[in-house]
C-alpha atoms as a PDB file:
ATOM      1  CA  UNK A   1      -7.103 -15.587 -27.839  1.00  0.00           C
ATOM      2  CA  UNK A   2      -5.015 -18.502 -26.700  1.00  0.00           C
ATOM      3  CA  UNK A   3      -4.555 -19.481 -23.106  1.00  0.00           C
ATOM      4  CA  UNK A   4      -0.771 -18.192 -23.320  1.00  0.00           C
ATOM      5  CA  UNK A   5      -1.970 -14.864 -24.664  1.00  0.00           C
ATOM      6  CA  UNK A   6      -4.730 -14.578 -22.097  1.00  0.00           C
ATOM      7  CA  UNK A   7      -2.290 -15.285 -19.288  1.00  0.00           C
ATOM      8  CA  UNK A   8       0.184 -12.661 -20.764  1.00  0.00           C
ATOM      9  CA  UNK A   9      -2.508 -10.109 -20.921  1.00  0.00           C
ATOM     10  CA  UNK A  10      -3.568 -10.757 -17.338  1.00  0.00           C
ATOM     11  CA  UNK A  11       0.092 -10.542 -16.249  1.00  0.00           C
ATOM     12  CA  UNK A  12       0.296  -7.084 -17.877  1.00  0.00           C
ATOM     13  CA  UNK A  13      -2.933  -5.874 -16.384  1.00  0.00           C
ATOM     14  CA  UNK A  14      -1.857  -7.016 -12.863  1.00  0.00           C
ATOM     15  CA  UNK A  15       1.559  -5.475 -13.412  1.00  0.00           C
ATOM     16  CA  UNK A  16       0.013  -2.235 -14.298  1.00  0.00           C
ATOM     17  CA  UNK A  17      -2.150  -2.364 -11.268  1.00  0.00           C
ATOM     18  CA  UNK A  18       0.522  -3.147  -8.985  1.00  0.00           C
ATOM     19  CA  UNK A  19       2.772  -0.154 -10.221  1.00  0.00           C
ATOM     20  CA  UNK A  20      -0.038   2.206  -9.876  1.00  0.00           C
ATOM     21  CA  UNK A  21      -1.044   1.167  -6.397  1.00  0.00           C
ATOM     22  CA  UNK A  22       2.518   1.067  -5.324  1.00  0.00           C
ATOM     23  CA  UNK A  23       2.912   4.813  -6.639  1.00  0.00           C
ATOM     24  CA  UNK A  24       0.047   5.707  -4.222  1.00  0.00           C
ATOM     25  CA  UNK A  25       1.759   3.990  -1.424  1.00  0.00           C
ATOM     26  CA  UNK A  26       4.995   5.707  -2.132  1.00  0.00           C
ATOM     27  CA  UNK A  27       3.034   9.072  -2.156  1.00  0.00           C
ATOM     28  CA  UNK A  28       2.022   8.496   1.496  1.00  0.00           C
ATOM     29  CA  UNK A  29       5.870   8.160   2.432  1.00  0.00           C
ATOM     30  CA  UNK A  30       6.716  11.216   0.297  1.00  0.00           C
ATOM     31  CA  UNK A  31       4.149  13.319   2.112  1.00  0.00           C
ATOM     32  CA  UNK A  32       5.507  12.202   5.481  1.00  0.00           C
ATOM     33  CA  UNK A  33       8.960  12.926   4.718  1.00  0.00           C
ATOM     34  CA  UNK A  34       8.092  16.372   3.301  1.00  0.00           C
ATOM     35  CA  UNK A  35       6.086  17.052   6.643  1.00  0.00           C
ATOM     36  CA  UNK A  36       9.116  15.838   8.613  1.00  0.00           C
ATOM     37  CA  UNK A  37      11.448  18.182   6.709  1.00  0.00           C
ATOM     38  CA  UNK A  38       9.139  21.117   7.350  1.00  0.00           C
ATOM     39  CA  UNK A  39       9.071  20.266  11.143  1.00  0.00           C
ATOM     40  CA  UNK A  40       5.516  19.213  11.315  1.00  0.00           C
ATOM     41  CA  UNK A  41       6.319  15.598  11.951  1.00  0.00           C
ATOM     42  CA  UNK A  42       8.769  13.980  14.169  1.00  0.00           C
ATOM     43  CA  UNK A  43      11.059  11.049  13.200  1.00  0.00           C
ATOM     44  CA  UNK A  44       8.987   8.514  15.241  1.00  0.00           C
ATOM     45  CA  UNK A  45       5.818   9.734  13.118  1.00  0.00           C
ATOM     46  CA  UNK A  46       7.631   9.108   9.933  1.00  0.00           C
ATOM     47  CA  UNK A  47       8.766   5.679  11.128  1.00  0.00           C
ATOM     48  CA  UNK A  48       5.201   4.835  11.694  1.00  0.00           C
ATOM     49  CA  UNK A  49       4.331   5.834   8.106  1.00  0.00           C
ATOM     50  CA  UNK A  50       7.281   3.752   6.886  1.00  0.00           C
ATOM     51  CA  UNK A  51       6.121   0.727   8.877  1.00  0.00           C
ATOM     52  CA  UNK A  52       2.562   1.002   7.540  1.00  0.00           C
ATOM     53  CA  UNK A  53       4.016   1.355   3.994  1.00  0.00           C
ATOM     54  CA  UNK A  54       6.096  -1.818   4.404  1.00  0.00           C
ATOM     55  CA  UNK A  55       2.970  -3.837   5.484  1.00  0.00           C
ATOM     56  CA  UNK A  56       0.709  -2.292   2.802  1.00  0.00           C
ATOM     57  CA  UNK A  57       3.540  -3.026  -0.009  1.00  0.00           C
ATOM     58  CA  UNK A  58       3.808  -6.514   1.323  1.00  0.00           C
ATOM     59  CA  UNK A  59      -0.095  -7.115   1.165  1.00  0.00           C
ATOM     60  CA  UNK A  60      -0.091  -5.583  -2.310  1.00  0.00           C
ATOM     61  CA  UNK A  61       2.542  -7.803  -3.626  1.00  0.00           C
ATOM     62  CA  UNK A  62       0.999 -10.950  -2.069  1.00  0.00           C
ATOM     63  CA  UNK A  63      -2.306  -9.896  -3.951  1.00  0.00           C
ATOM     64  CA  UNK A  64      -0.453  -9.416  -7.338  1.00  0.00           C
ATOM     65  CA  UNK A  65       2.073 -12.280  -7.291  1.00  0.00           C
ATOM     66  CA  UNK A  66       0.561 -15.422  -5.251  1.00  0.00           C
ATOM     67  CA  UNK A  67      -2.116 -17.230  -7.155  1.00  0.00           C
ATOM     68  CA  UNK A  68      -3.711 -17.562 -10.540  1.00  0.00           C
ATOM     69  CA  UNK A  69      -2.881 -14.131 -12.287  1.00  0.00           C
ATOM     70  CA  UNK A  70      -6.069 -14.521 -14.297  1.00  0.00           C
ATOM     71  CA  UNK A  71      -8.216 -14.856 -11.126  1.00  0.00           C
ATOM     72  CA  UNK A  72      -6.360 -11.806  -9.617  1.00  0.00           C
ATOM     73  CA  UNK A  73      -7.217  -9.987 -12.976  1.00  0.00           C
ATOM     74  CA  UNK A  74     -10.712 -10.821 -12.572  1.00  0.00           C
ATOM     75  CA  UNK A  75     -10.810  -9.514  -9.042  1.00  0.00           C
ATOM     76  CA  UNK A  76      -9.541  -6.140 -10.343  1.00  0.00           C
ATOM     77  CA  UNK A  77     -12.540  -5.736 -12.701  1.00  0.00           C
ATOM     78  CA  UNK A  78     -15.326  -7.230 -10.493  1.00  0.00           C
ATOM     79  CA  UNK A  79     -14.543  -6.235  -6.816  1.00  0.00           C
ATOM     80  CA  UNK A  80     -14.633  -2.857  -5.030  1.00  0.00           C
ATOM     81  CA  UNK A  81     -11.212  -1.242  -4.911  1.00  0.00           C
ATOM     82  CA  UNK A  82      -8.862  -2.263  -2.165  1.00  0.00           C
ATOM     83  CA  UNK A  83      -7.556   0.348   0.133  1.00  0.00           C
ATOM     84  CA  UNK A  84      -3.922  -0.998   0.347  1.00  0.00           C
ATOM     85  CA  UNK A  85      -2.733   1.728   2.857  1.00  0.00           C
ATOM     86  CA  UNK A  86      -5.596   0.744   5.133  1.00  0.00           C
ATOM     87  CA  UNK A  87      -4.593  -2.909   4.812  1.00  0.00           C
ATOM     88  CA  UNK A  88      -1.172  -1.934   6.087  1.00  0.00           C
ATOM     89  CA  UNK A  89      -2.451  -0.268   9.273  1.00  0.00           C
ATOM     90  CA  UNK A  90      -0.907  -2.229  12.279  1.00  0.00           C
ATOM     91  CA  UNK A  91      -3.327  -4.142  14.384  1.00  0.00           C
ATOM     92  CA  UNK A  92      -2.333  -2.316  17.517  1.00  0.00           C
ATOM     93  CA  UNK A  93      -4.118   1.021  18.188  1.00  0.00           C
ATOM     94  CA  UNK A  94      -2.386   3.721  16.546  1.00  0.00           C
ATOM     95  CA  UNK A  95      -2.882   7.425  17.059  1.00  0.00           C
ATOM     96  CA  UNK A  96      -3.409   9.512  13.988  1.00  0.00           C
ATOM     97  CA  UNK A  97      -0.204  11.388  12.765  1.00  0.00           C
ATOM     98  CA  UNK A  98      -2.007  14.678  13.297  1.00  0.00           C
ATOM     99  CA  UNK A  99      -2.883  13.878  16.873  1.00  0.00           C
ATOM    100  CA  UNK A 100      -0.325  15.132  19.424  1.00  0.00           C
ATOM    101  CA  UNK A 101       1.419  12.430  21.330  1.00  0.00           C
ATOM    102  CA  UNK A 102       0.371  11.287  24.653  1.00  0.00           C
ATOM    103  CA  UNK A 103       2.643  10.558  27.681  1.00  0.00           C
ATOM    104  CA  UNK A 104       2.621   6.828  26.573  1.00  0.00           C
ATOM    105  CA  UNK A 105       4.014   7.574  23.118  1.00  0.00           C
ATOM    106  CA  UNK A 106       7.407   9.277  22.739  1.00  0.00           C
END
C-alpha cells in the first residue's frame, strides 16, 4: 500500500472508532435524561452528567484528531481500551448520581 492509502485507511479506522466511542458517551446522557424524566434524577444531576459528557467528548476528540493519525490507529490496536467516560470525570470530588445529596450539594 502507498503512504497515502495507509493514511486514508488509518483515518477511516480512527473515524469509526471515534463515532463508536462517541455513541457510548451519548448513551450516558440518554440514560440520565430518561432517569430525569422518570423523576429519579434532579436537573442538577443531569447537569453533572452533561458536564462529564462534554469533558469526555473533548478528550476523545483530541485523541482522534490531534497528532499523526497512523500513530493514533496503532494505539487503538496495541493499547488497552480507554474509558473516555472516566476521563471526563471532573477533578473535584463528585458524589455518585445514585447517592443522595448532602447539605453541601443542592
